[in-house]
Amino acid sequence: MLPESFRAWFARRGWQAHAHQLAMLRAAKAGRSALLIAPTGGGKTLAGFLPSLVELADGGYDGLHTLYVSPLKALAVDIHRNLEVPVAEMVLPIRIETRTGDTPQSKRLRQRSKPPQMLLTTPESLALLLSYSDAPEIFAGLKCVVLDELHAMAGTKRGDLLALGLARLSRLAPGCRRVGLSATVAHRDPLLAYLSAEGRADAGDADLVSGGEAAKPEVKILLPRGRMPWSGHMAVFALPEVYEAVKAAKTAIVFVNTRAQAEIVFQELWRLNDDNLPIGLHHGSLAVEQRRKVEAAMARGALRAVVATSSLDLGIDWAAVDLVVQVGAPKGVSRLLQRIGRANHRLDTPSRALLVPANRFEVLECKAALDGIRAMELDGDPPRPGGLDVLAQHIVGTACAGPFQADALYAEVRRAAPYAGLDRQTFDDVLEFCATGGYALRSYDRYRRLIGDSKGGWRLSHPSHLRRYRMNVGTIVEAVTLKVRLNRGPVLGEVEEYFVMGLEPGDTFLFAGRLLRFDGLRETIVQASPATGDAPKIPAYAGG
């Protein structure tokens, strides 16, 4: 099943291919799509990419062969780093690149004219690529789409956008197979539907592959030695015990639930850090350079701990991590299992985690989460039908790529799992809304995005709609943000505008793990400098 060069590589590393990895090879050889459900540390990512690596090993393939879609930019970067290892060690003629909102414009342009054999991206960047007129040329030779952490996207608006993109890819590259990867799945059939070219779990064109079970995680609740408050959610009172746990571990990830909490927890751990342990901070509002620096340091094993939000929830593979600390209630069994899986990223070694309730009521939540883990009762509702707002966005994106026929687009949309039950009248109503703005907005020219003809064809009414679509693509709702610059030096990241409006020159605030003084606002840049003192303000974010 495995070529000799791959068998030799496995042997040099002291590995033996898992049964589910070989099953994924067989499915790919038969041209079948497949959903792999395997525990953390079971070689799930390698199983998803192994058929593509084998197919590309002989060289000579020009153009995009495999598209990987991740819910997190950090995960795409981590997968890129991990894939470079077998490619380099086996000297495979494969070019692998990432494409996210952090990718420079020059690189994005080059990827369209000369795409790599493997491109790692996000749902939003995929939607952007599909909106270009040269999308048929970019994706014409596509053979495989790998959807990582599929359970995290199914049933969300991002998942709806992804499903519509997959339906479009099936038209541009009819022979393309789909691979879904997931470790925690409460509802399997909806995920199989995502992988079906017909958008239905019972279509019979997607296989289910199981990777067995992992060692049971070791999870404990960390209660403080002193008094626990009745309210509050920062858990600062418990951080001395958290610091002691970090000291006793090789490497720890301290998960929190919001970016404001990340700043406070990091600052307090740093204050307690008499041992000068290298501790990092990671959340989505930090500058990309700082996030990549922390990710690279963790991959090298150079940090003892990192305080993180959901920006590091999924799939990140750092072998040195042997402890996960969840500060605050975990807000769900499935989410907690995802986070716990970052520790001891191996199939035969139990993940080790501590739950740190922030108040007395959260003790009950933590106990309920422990009961759910022991019973392996995953929470979460089945995915709902696709959102019509996402469909409207997709229709405009389709028009950005070129004129389309309504009948053909309706048939295509019905092959996206969340829209398999969409009736024609509803589709036509959404199409009409895109064309006129609906009864409330039809008087405004800017909302008349499409023009139709007598034969059922549609096109953009003005090029300005193309620019507006590409500047606003996606379903992640974000408030207006302003960049924070340290003196005349680097940009540290972004805070939301409403927070800055409440600052006066001289006020102090915590950001990027630093205590900063607000010096003023210059155009759209927050000017800040290092500060000292107590009672700084903490930026809060609409998204948590």
Protein backbone atom coordinates (compact mmCIF):
# COMPACT_ATOMS: atom_id res chain seq x y z
CA MET A 1 0.00 0.00 0.00
CA LEU A 2 2.76 2.46 0.97
CA PRO A 3 5.55 3.14 -1.57
CA GLU A 4 8.99 1.98 -0.50
CA SER A 5 10.26 5.52 0.15
CA PHE A 6 7.36 6.12 2.55
CA ARG A 7 7.83 2.77 4.32
CA ALA A 8 11.50 3.61 4.80
CA TRP A 9 10.60 7.05 6.20
CA PHE A 10 8.16 5.51 8.69
CA ALA A 11 10.85 2.99 9.71
CA ARG A 12 13.51 5.68 10.21
CA ARG A 13 11.17 7.45 12.60
CA GLY A 14 10.32 4.24 14.43
CA TRP A 15 6.70 4.42 13.29
CA GLN A 16 4.27 1.94 11.85
CA ALA A 17 1.33 3.10 9.75
CA HIS A 18 -1.95 2.98 11.65
CA ALA A 19 -4.85 0.99 10.21
CA HIS A 20 -6.87 4.18 9.67
CA GLN A 21 -3.99 5.78 7.74
CA LEU A 22 -3.93 2.81 5.37
CA ALA A 23 -7.74 2.93 5.13
CA MET A 24 -7.52 6.55 3.99
CA LEU A 25 -5.02 5.49 1.32
CA ARG A 26 -7.42 2.83 0.08
CA ALA A 27 -10.32 5.29 -0.03
CA ALA A 28 -8.24 7.77 -2.02
CA LYS A 29 -7.10 5.09 -4.46
CA ALA A 30 -10.76 4.26 -5.09
CA GLY A 31 -11.54 7.96 -5.59
CA ARG A 32 -13.80 7.99 -2.52
CA SER A 33 -14.35 10.85 -0.10
CA ALA A 34 -13.85 9.92 3.56
CA LEU A 35 -14.52 11.16 7.09
CA LEU A 36 -11.79 10.16 9.54
CA ILE A 37 -12.72 10.28 13.21
CA ALA A 38 -9.59 9.62 15.24
CA PRO A 39 -8.41 10.67 18.70
CA THR A 40 -5.80 13.32 19.23
CA GLY A 41 -2.31 11.95 18.66
CA GLY A 42 -3.50 9.22 16.29
CA GLY A 43 -1.79 10.61 13.18
CA LYS A 44 -5.04 12.09 11.88
CA THR A 45 -3.43 14.94 9.93
CA LEU A 46 -0.87 12.67 8.31
CA ALA A 47 -3.68 10.26 7.37
CA GLY A 48 -5.52 13.08 5.63
CA PHE A 49 -2.48 14.21 3.64
CA LEU A 50 -0.78 10.84 3.07
CA PRO A 51 -2.64 9.98 -0.17
CA SER A 52 -1.76 13.40 -1.61
CA LEU A 53 1.89 13.06 -0.60
CA VAL A 54 2.02 9.64 -2.28
CA GLU A 55 0.32 10.92 -5.45
CA LEU A 56 2.73 13.87 -5.70
CA ALA A 57 5.90 11.98 -4.73
CA ASP A 58 6.98 11.26 -8.32
CA GLY A 59 6.86 14.94 -9.31
CA GLY A 60 5.64 16.39 -12.53
CA TYR A 61 2.31 17.68 -11.18
CA ASP A 62 1.89 21.31 -12.11
CA GLY A 63 -0.81 23.29 -10.35
CA LEU A 64 -2.97 22.98 -7.25
CA HIS A 65 -3.48 19.35 -6.22
CA THR A 66 -4.63 19.52 -2.58
CA LEU A 67 -6.52 22.29 -0.79
CA TYR A 68 -6.56 22.24 3.02
CA VAL A 69 -9.18 24.30 4.90
CA SER A 70 -8.75 25.07 8.59
CA PRO A 71 -10.98 27.01 11.00
CA LEU A 72 -7.87 28.69 12.51
CA LYS A 73 -5.01 30.56 10.89
CA ALA A 74 -2.67 29.26 13.61
CA LEU A 75 -3.67 25.68 12.79
CA ALA A 76 -2.92 26.20 9.09
CA VAL A 77 0.54 27.53 9.99
CA ASP A 78 1.16 24.59 12.35
CA ILE A 79 0.08 22.04 9.72
CA HIS A 80 2.38 23.72 7.20
CA ARG A 81 5.27 23.38 9.63
CA ASN A 82 4.49 19.71 10.26
CA LEU A 83 4.06 18.83 6.57
CA GLU A 84 7.43 20.31 5.71
CA VAL A 85 9.09 17.55 7.76
CA PRO A 86 8.18 14.52 5.57
CA VAL A 87 8.54 16.61 2.42
CA ALA A 88 12.08 17.61 3.40
CA GLU A 89 13.16 14.24 4.80
CA MET A 90 11.92 12.31 1.74
CA VAL A 91 13.01 15.09 -0.65
CA LEU A 92 9.55 15.23 -2.22
CA PRO A 93 9.05 17.72 -5.10
CA ILE A 94 6.08 19.37 -3.38
CA ARG A 95 5.55 23.07 -2.71
CA ILE A 96 3.33 23.83 0.30
CA GLU A 97 2.06 27.32 1.14
CA THR A 98 -0.50 29.00 3.40
CA ARG A 99 -3.03 31.62 2.33
CA THR A 100 -4.86 33.54 5.05
CA GLY A 101 -5.61 37.14 5.91
CA ASP A 102 -2.01 37.37 7.17
CA THR A 103 -0.50 36.44 3.78
CA PRO A 104 1.18 39.39 1.96
CA GLN A 105 -0.61 40.67 -1.14
CA SER A 106 2.36 39.92 -3.41
CA LYS A 107 2.32 36.28 -2.34
CA ARG A 108 -1.44 36.01 -2.80
CA LEU A 109 -1.13 37.33 -6.35
CA ARG A 110 1.62 34.86 -7.16
CA GLN A 111 -0.42 31.97 -5.74
CA ARG A 112 -3.17 32.70 -8.26
CA SER A 113 -0.83 32.70 -11.28
CA LYS A 114 1.41 29.88 -10.04
CA PRO A 115 -0.34 27.96 -7.26
CA PRO A 116 1.57 25.47 -5.10
CA GLN A 117 0.73 21.78 -5.16
CA MET A 118 -0.68 22.12 -1.62
CA LEU A 119 -2.43 25.25 -0.38
CA LEU A 120 -3.49 25.65 3.26
CA THR A 121 -6.23 28.21 3.84
CA THR A 122 -9.41 29.22 5.70
CA PRO A 123 -13.09 29.34 4.64
CA GLU A 124 -12.90 33.10 4.08
CA SER A 125 -9.79 32.93 1.90
CA LEU A 126 -11.38 30.12 -0.12
CA ALA A 127 -14.47 32.27 -0.72
CA LEU A 128 -12.19 35.07 -1.92
CA LEU A 129 -10.36 32.78 -4.33
CA LEU A 130 -13.66 31.55 -5.75
CA SER A 131 -14.75 35.15 -6.39
CA TYR A 132 -11.99 35.74 -8.96
CA SER A 133 -12.62 35.34 -12.67
CA ASP A 134 -9.65 32.98 -12.94
CA ALA A 135 -11.03 30.56 -10.30
CA PRO A 136 -11.77 27.93 -13.00
CA GLU A 137 -8.09 27.93 -13.99
CA ILE A 138 -6.83 27.91 -10.38
CA PHE A 139 -8.95 24.91 -9.34
CA ALA A 140 -9.18 23.00 -12.64
CA GLY A 141 -6.67 20.35 -11.58
CA LEU A 142 -7.72 20.09 -7.93
CA LYS A 143 -7.77 16.47 -6.75
CA CYS A 144 -8.43 16.68 -3.01
CA VAL A 145 -9.89 19.01 -0.36
CA VAL A 146 -8.92 18.32 3.27
CA LEU A 147 -11.30 19.79 5.86
CA ASP A 148 -9.68 19.83 9.29
CA GLU A 149 -11.66 19.97 12.55
CA LEU A 150 -14.81 19.72 10.46
CA HIS A 151 -17.04 19.43 13.53
CA ALA A 152 -16.00 22.96 14.56
CA MET A 153 -17.39 24.43 11.33
CA ALA A 154 -20.45 22.29 10.62
CA GLY A 155 -23.60 24.01 11.85
CA THR A 156 -22.02 27.48 11.91
CA LYS A 157 -22.27 30.28 9.36
CA ARG A 158 -18.60 29.75 8.53
CA GLY A 159 -19.50 26.14 7.83
CA ASP A 160 -22.36 27.27 5.58
CA LEU A 161 -19.94 29.44 3.60
CA LEU A 162 -17.49 26.53 3.38
CA ALA A 163 -20.19 24.11 2.17
CA LEU A 164 -21.21 26.52 -0.59
CA GLY A 165 -17.55 26.82 -1.56
CA LEU A 166 -17.26 23.03 -1.72
CA ALA A 167 -20.29 22.87 -4.02
CA ARG A 168 -18.61 25.40 -6.30
CA LEU A 169 -15.36 23.40 -6.25
CA SER A 170 -17.27 20.28 -7.31
CA ARG A 171 -18.37 22.13 -10.43
CA LEU A 172 -14.89 23.51 -11.18
CA ALA A 173 -13.12 20.20 -10.41
CA PRO A 174 -15.70 17.38 -10.77
CA GLY A 175 -13.30 14.58 -9.82
CA CYS A 176 -12.14 16.20 -6.60
CA ARG A 177 -12.52 14.02 -3.48
CA ARG A 178 -13.12 15.39 0.02
CA VAL A 179 -11.44 14.39 3.27
CA GLY A 180 -12.89 15.35 6.66
CA LEU A 181 -10.80 15.14 9.84
CA SER A 182 -12.20 15.31 13.35
CA ALA A 183 -11.40 14.08 16.83
CA THR A 184 -14.65 14.83 18.66
CA VAL A 185 -17.92 14.21 16.85
CA ALA A 186 -21.37 14.29 18.41
CA HIS A 187 -23.29 13.96 15.11
CA ARG A 188 -21.62 11.94 12.34
CA ASP A 189 -24.23 12.00 9.57
CA PRO A 190 -24.17 15.79 9.07
CA LEU A 191 -20.38 15.62 8.64
CA LEU A 192 -20.72 12.86 6.06
CA ALA A 193 -23.21 15.10 4.25
CA TYR A 194 -20.57 17.86 4.09
CA LEU A 195 -18.24 15.42 2.36
CA SER A 196 -20.83 14.17 -0.12
CA ALA A 197 -20.89 15.72 -3.57
CA GLU A 198 -24.68 15.54 -3.30
CA GLY A 199 -24.84 17.17 0.14
CA ARG A 200 -26.55 14.13 1.69
CA ALA A 201 -25.25 11.59 4.20
CA ASP A 202 -27.19 8.80 2.47
CA ALA A 203 -25.74 9.52 -0.98
CA GLY A 204 -23.20 6.72 -0.45
CA ASP A 205 -20.20 8.61 -1.86
CA ALA A 206 -18.35 9.20 1.43
CA ASP A 207 -16.80 6.54 3.68
CA LEU A 208 -16.54 6.63 7.48
CA VAL A 209 -13.11 5.66 8.85
CA SER A 210 -12.55 5.21 12.58
CA GLY A 211 -9.21 5.67 14.26
CA GLY A 212 -10.01 3.81 17.47
CA GLU A 213 -9.87 5.22 20.98
CA ALA A 214 -7.21 7.11 22.89
CA ALA A 215 -6.17 6.78 26.51
CA LYS A 216 -8.67 8.32 28.91
CA PRO A 217 -7.68 11.88 29.89
CA GLU A 218 -6.64 12.66 33.46
CA VAL A 219 -8.63 15.72 34.49
CA LYS A 220 -8.80 17.29 37.95
CA ILE A 221 -10.43 20.36 39.44
CA LEU A 222 -7.96 22.77 41.06
CA LEU A 223 -9.50 24.38 44.12
CA PRO A 224 -7.67 27.25 45.89
CA ARG A 225 -6.33 26.91 49.39
CA GLY A 226 -8.14 30.09 50.46
CA ARG A 227 -11.67 31.34 50.10
CA MET A 228 -13.38 31.08 46.70
CA PRO A 229 -15.65 33.99 45.72
CA TRP A 230 -19.29 33.69 44.71
CA SER A 231 -18.88 35.76 41.55
CA GLY A 232 -16.31 36.98 39.02
CA HIS A 233 -14.76 35.10 36.10
CA MET A 234 -11.06 36.07 36.03
CA ALA A 235 -9.89 33.57 38.72
CA VAL A 236 -6.95 35.75 39.77
CA PHE A 237 -7.21 34.31 43.31
CA ALA A 238 -6.29 30.84 41.96
CA LEU A 239 -3.29 31.86 39.86
CA PRO A 240 -0.63 31.14 42.55
CA GLU A 241 -1.73 27.47 42.40
CA VAL A 242 -1.81 27.65 38.58
CA TYR A 243 1.74 28.99 38.58
CA GLU A 244 2.88 26.09 40.78
CA ALA A 245 1.27 23.63 38.34
CA VAL A 246 3.03 25.33 35.42
CA LYS A 247 6.36 25.08 37.25
CA ALA A 248 5.85 21.35 37.79
CA ALA A 249 5.01 20.72 34.12
CA LYS A 250 7.34 20.49 31.15
CA THR A 251 5.21 22.82 29.02
CA ALA A 252 1.66 24.03 29.69
CA ILE A 253 -1.10 25.78 27.78
CA VAL A 254 -3.26 27.95 30.03
CA PHE A 255 -6.59 28.37 28.23
CA VAL A 256 -8.97 31.21 29.08
CA ASN A 257 -12.35 32.18 27.63
CA THR A 258 -11.81 35.81 26.55
CA ARG A 259 -9.01 38.06 25.31
CA ALA A 260 -9.42 40.39 28.29
CA GLN A 261 -9.00 37.42 30.62
CA ALA A 262 -5.89 36.36 28.68
CA GLU A 263 -4.26 39.73 29.31
CA ILE A 264 -5.09 39.66 33.04
CA VAL A 265 -4.01 36.04 33.58
CA PHE A 266 -0.76 36.54 31.68
CA GLN A 267 0.07 39.70 33.63
CA GLU A 268 -0.62 38.02 36.97
CA LEU A 269 1.40 34.90 36.10
CA TRP A 270 4.25 37.17 35.04
CA ARG A 271 4.06 38.99 38.38
CA LEU A 272 4.29 35.62 40.17
CA ASN A 273 7.13 34.45 37.94
CA ASP A 274 10.03 34.60 40.40
CA ASP A 275 11.67 31.72 38.52
CA ASN A 276 11.81 33.70 35.25
CA LEU A 277 10.02 30.99 33.32
CA PRO A 278 9.52 31.83 29.63
CA ILE A 279 5.76 32.43 29.32
CA GLY A 280 3.97 33.58 26.16
CA LEU A 281 0.63 35.17 25.30
CA HIS A 282 -1.54 34.32 22.28
CA HIS A 283 -4.89 35.70 21.15
CA GLY A 284 -6.45 36.89 17.92
CA SER A 285 -5.97 40.63 18.48
CA LEU A 286 -2.20 40.47 18.74
CA ALA A 287 -0.07 41.38 15.74
CA VAL A 288 0.58 38.43 13.44
CA GLU A 289 4.34 38.73 14.06
CA GLN A 290 3.86 38.26 17.80
CA ARG A 291 1.50 35.31 17.30
CA ARG A 292 3.89 33.58 14.90
CA LYS A 293 6.79 34.21 17.29
CA VAL A 294 4.91 32.51 20.13
CA GLU A 295 3.82 29.60 17.90
CA ALA A 296 7.40 29.03 16.68
CA ALA A 297 8.75 29.18 20.24
CA MET A 298 6.19 26.61 21.39
CA ALA A 299 7.03 24.35 18.44
CA ARG A 300 10.72 24.50 19.44
CA GLY A 301 9.87 23.77 23.07
CA ALA A 302 11.34 27.14 24.10
CA LEU A 303 8.38 28.21 26.28
CA ARG A 304 7.26 26.75 29.58
CA ALA A 305 3.72 28.07 29.18
CA VAL A 306 1.46 30.08 26.91
CA VAL A 307 -1.75 31.82 27.93
CA ALA A 308 -4.22 31.47 25.07
CA THR A 309 -7.81 31.89 24.00
CA SER A 310 -9.63 29.78 21.40
CA SER A 311 -6.95 30.94 18.93
CA LEU A 312 -5.09 27.74 19.88
CA ASP A 313 -8.10 25.48 20.51
CA LEU A 314 -7.94 23.12 17.57
CA GLY A 315 -5.43 20.63 16.27
CA ILE A 316 -2.20 22.40 17.25
CA ASP A 317 0.49 19.72 17.63
CA TRP A 318 3.19 20.70 20.13
CA ALA A 319 4.83 17.55 21.45
CA ALA A 320 6.34 19.24 24.52
CA VAL A 321 2.95 20.16 26.01
CA ASP A 322 2.13 17.86 28.91
CA LEU A 323 -0.43 19.95 30.80
CA VAL A 324 -3.51 21.94 29.85
CA VAL A 325 -5.02 24.36 32.36
CA GLN A 326 -8.55 25.63 31.74
CA VAL A 327 -9.15 28.84 33.70
CA GLY A 328 -12.87 29.43 34.07
CA ALA A 329 -15.75 27.12 33.21
CA PRO A 330 -15.04 25.15 30.00
CA LYS A 331 -18.48 25.95 28.46
CA GLY A 332 -19.03 22.47 27.03
CA VAL A 333 -17.67 18.93 27.02
CA SER A 334 -16.70 18.91 23.34
CA ARG A 335 -14.82 22.18 23.65
CA LEU A 336 -13.03 20.97 26.78
CA LEU A 337 -11.96 17.72 25.09
CA GLN A 338 -10.54 19.74 22.20
CA ARG A 339 -8.46 21.81 24.59
CA ILE A 340 -7.37 18.84 26.69
CA GLY A 341 -6.18 17.14 23.50
CA ARG A 342 -3.38 19.71 23.18
CA ALA A 343 -1.55 17.91 26.05
CA ASN A 344 0.45 14.71 25.49
CA HIS A 345 -0.36 14.74 21.78
CA ARG A 346 0.10 10.96 21.52
CA LEU A 347 -2.38 8.13 21.11
CA ASP A 348 -1.17 5.94 24.00
CA THR A 349 -0.53 8.68 26.58
CA PRO A 350 -3.38 10.22 28.58
CA SER A 351 -3.84 13.96 28.26
CA ARG A 352 -3.47 15.77 31.60
CA ALA A 353 -5.57 18.79 32.50
CA LEU A 354 -6.61 21.02 35.39
CA LEU A 355 -9.92 22.86 35.57
CA VAL A 356 -9.81 26.12 37.52
CA PRO A 357 -13.29 27.42 38.43
CA ALA A 358 -13.45 31.20 38.79
CA ASN A 359 -16.25 31.16 41.35
CA ARG A 360 -18.32 28.74 43.40
CA PHE A 361 -20.99 28.29 40.74
CA GLU A 362 -18.35 27.35 38.18
CA VAL A 363 -17.30 24.47 40.45
CA LEU A 364 -20.63 22.86 39.52
CA GLU A 365 -19.98 23.49 35.81
CA CYS A 366 -16.55 21.90 36.09
CA LYS A 367 -17.97 18.86 37.87
CA ALA A 368 -20.63 18.49 35.17
CA ALA A 369 -17.90 18.67 32.52
CA LEU A 370 -15.94 15.93 34.31
CA ASP A 371 -19.02 13.73 34.38
CA GLY A 372 -19.52 14.34 30.65
CA ILE A 373 -15.91 13.37 29.89
CA ARG A 374 -16.16 10.17 31.89
CA ALA A 375 -19.37 9.21 30.08
CA MET A 376 -18.06 10.57 26.72
CA GLU A 377 -21.32 12.43 26.26
CA LEU A 378 -20.48 15.08 23.69
CA ASP A 379 -22.69 18.16 23.67
CA GLY A 380 -23.82 20.34 20.79
CA ASP A 381 -26.93 20.48 18.65
CA PRO A 382 -27.12 18.90 15.19
CA PRO A 383 -26.22 21.35 12.40
CA ARG A 384 -29.17 23.53 11.36
CA PRO A 385 -30.16 24.45 7.79
CA GLY A 386 -27.92 26.98 6.08
CA GLY A 387 -28.40 30.69 6.74
CA LEU A 388 -29.99 32.78 4.01
CA ASP A 389 -27.65 35.70 4.73
CA VAL A 390 -24.70 33.44 3.92
CA LEU A 391 -26.45 32.29 0.75
CA ALA A 392 -26.92 35.93 -0.29
CA GLN A 393 -23.22 36.56 0.24
CA HIS A 394 -22.36 33.50 -1.85
CA ILE A 395 -24.64 34.59 -4.69
CA VAL A 396 -22.88 37.97 -4.87
CA GLY A 397 -19.49 36.22 -4.67
CA THR A 398 -20.50 34.00 -7.58
CA ALA A 399 -21.39 37.08 -9.62
CA CYS A 400 -17.98 38.57 -8.78
CA ALA A 401 -16.38 35.66 -10.62
CA GLY A 402 -18.59 36.20 -13.68
CA PRO A 403 -22.16 35.98 -14.99
CA PHE A 404 -24.21 32.95 -13.91
CA GLN A 405 -27.50 31.23 -14.70
CA ALA A 406 -30.02 31.07 -11.84
CA ASP A 407 -31.07 27.49 -12.62
CA ALA A 408 -27.46 26.23 -12.60
CA LEU A 409 -26.62 28.06 -9.39
CA TYR A 410 -29.72 26.71 -7.63
CA ALA A 411 -28.76 23.15 -8.59
CA GLU A 412 -25.22 23.79 -7.34
CA VAL A 413 -26.35 25.27 -4.02
CA ARG A 414 -28.61 22.26 -3.38
CA ARG A 415 -25.47 20.10 -3.37
CA ALA A 416 -24.13 21.96 -0.33
CA ALA A 417 -25.13 20.01 2.79
CA PRO A 418 -26.74 22.89 4.74
CA TYR A 419 -28.83 23.84 1.70
CA ALA A 420 -29.85 20.37 0.47
CA GLY A 421 -33.46 21.09 1.47
CA LEU A 422 -33.61 24.62 0.04
CA ASP A 423 -36.76 25.18 -2.02
CA ARG A 424 -36.71 27.15 -5.26
CA GLN A 425 -38.98 29.94 -4.04
CA THR A 426 -36.68 30.74 -1.13
CA PHE A 427 -33.67 30.71 -3.44
CA ASP A 428 -35.41 33.08 -5.84
CA ASP A 429 -36.35 35.39 -2.97
CA VAL A 430 -32.70 35.58 -1.82
CA LEU A 431 -31.59 36.18 -5.41
CA GLU A 432 -34.14 38.97 -5.72
CA PHE A 433 -32.88 40.50 -2.47
CA CYS A 434 -29.32 40.51 -3.87
CA ALA A 435 -30.59 42.18 -7.04
CA THR A 436 -32.82 44.87 -5.53
CA GLY A 437 -32.09 45.11 -1.78
CA GLY A 438 -35.60 43.94 -0.93
CA TYR A 439 -38.63 46.05 -0.13
CA ALA A 440 -36.76 48.11 2.50
CA LEU A 441 -33.65 48.98 0.48
CA ARG A 442 -34.73 48.94 -3.16
CA SER A 443 -34.66 52.77 -3.30
CA TYR A 444 -30.88 52.81 -2.76
CA ASP A 445 -28.62 52.13 -5.74
CA ARG A 446 -25.83 50.63 -3.64
CA TYR A 447 -28.06 47.68 -2.70
CA ARG A 448 -28.92 46.84 -6.31
CA ARG A 449 -26.03 44.46 -6.67
CA LEU A 450 -27.17 42.29 -9.60
CA ILE A 451 -28.72 42.77 -13.02
CA GLY A 452 -30.74 39.98 -14.66
CA ASP A 453 -31.68 39.24 -18.24
CA SER A 454 -34.67 37.57 -19.87
CA LYS A 455 -32.91 34.19 -20.08
CA GLY A 456 -32.26 33.72 -16.34
CA GLY A 457 -28.73 35.12 -16.43
CA TRP A 458 -27.32 37.43 -13.74
CA ARG A 459 -24.24 39.64 -13.42
CA LEU A 460 -22.87 42.36 -11.12
CA SER A 461 -24.50 45.74 -11.61
CA HIS A 462 -21.32 47.73 -10.90
CA PRO A 463 -17.60 46.96 -10.19
CA SER A 464 -17.87 48.70 -6.81
CA HIS A 465 -19.85 45.70 -5.52
CA LEU A 466 -16.90 43.47 -6.34
CA ARG A 467 -14.57 45.57 -4.19
CA ARG A 468 -17.12 45.76 -1.39
CA TYR A 469 -17.60 41.98 -1.41
CA ARG A 470 -13.88 41.25 -1.24
CA MET A 471 -13.33 43.74 1.58
CA ASN A 472 -16.13 42.22 3.68
CA VAL A 473 -16.25 38.52 2.77
CA GLY A 474 -16.93 36.10 5.60
CA THR A 475 -19.33 35.63 8.48
CA ILE A 476 -17.15 36.62 11.45
CA VAL A 477 -18.68 39.76 12.94
CA GLU A 478 -16.00 42.22 14.01
CA ALA A 479 -16.13 45.70 15.49
CA VAL A 480 -14.01 48.56 14.13
CA THR A 481 -10.46 48.15 15.43
CA LEU A 482 -7.45 50.44 15.74
CA LYS A 483 -3.80 49.40 15.65
CA VAL A 484 -1.71 49.89 18.80
CA ARG A 485 1.84 51.12 18.14
CA LEU A 486 4.54 51.19 20.81
CA ASN A 487 6.19 54.64 20.55
CA ARG A 488 7.54 54.75 16.99
CA GLY A 489 8.29 51.06 17.08
CA PRO A 490 6.30 47.93 16.20
CA VAL A 491 2.55 47.49 16.00
CA LEU A 492 1.50 45.28 18.92
CA GLY A 493 -1.96 44.39 17.65
CA GLU A 494 -5.47 45.86 17.57
CA VAL A 495 -8.06 47.01 20.08
CA GLU A 496 -11.66 47.94 19.40
CA GLU A 497 -12.48 51.57 18.69
CA TYR A 498 -15.07 51.91 21.44
CA PHE A 499 -12.43 51.04 24.06
CA VAL A 500 -10.07 53.73 22.76
CA MET A 501 -12.86 56.31 22.82
CA GLY A 502 -13.00 55.86 26.58
CA LEU A 503 -9.31 56.60 27.12
CA GLU A 504 -7.74 59.93 28.10
CA PRO A 505 -4.05 60.72 27.49
CA GLY A 506 -2.12 59.32 30.43
CA ASP A 507 -4.53 56.44 31.07
CA THR A 508 -2.89 53.02 31.38
CA PHE A 509 -4.11 49.78 29.87
CA LEU A 510 -3.00 46.16 29.50
CA PHE A 511 -2.33 44.87 26.00
CA ALA A 512 -0.01 42.31 24.37
CA GLY A 513 1.23 41.32 27.80
CA ARG A 514 2.45 44.87 28.53
CA LEU A 515 1.36 47.75 30.73
CA LEU A 516 0.95 50.69 28.35
CA ARG A 517 0.17 54.39 28.64
CA PHE A 518 -2.23 55.94 26.14
CA ASP A 519 -0.43 58.90 24.57
CA GLY A 520 -2.99 59.79 21.94
CA LEU A 521 -4.63 58.85 18.67
CA ARG A 522 -2.90 59.68 15.39
CA GLU A 523 -5.25 59.02 12.48
CA THR A 524 -6.15 55.34 13.03
CA ILE A 525 -3.12 54.46 15.18
CA VAL A 526 -3.19 54.32 18.98
CA GLN A 527 0.11 55.79 20.19
CA ALA A 528 1.28 54.08 23.39
CA SER A 529 4.40 53.87 25.53
CA PRO A 530 5.56 51.63 28.40
CA ALA A 531 3.98 52.53 31.72
CA THR A 532 4.04 51.71 35.40
CA GLY A 533 1.34 51.88 38.00
CA ASP A 534 -1.76 50.12 39.21
CA ALA A 535 -5.39 49.77 38.10
CA PRO A 536 -4.91 49.73 34.31
CA LYS A 537 -7.91 49.40 32.02
CA ILE A 538 -8.44 46.13 30.17
CA PRO A 539 -9.57 46.06 26.52
CA ALA A 540 -12.74 44.01 26.03
CA TYR A 541 -13.89 42.64 22.68
CA ALA A 542 -17.29 42.03 21.14
CA GLY A 543 -16.17 38.52 20.13
CA GLY A 544 -14.87 37.55 23.56
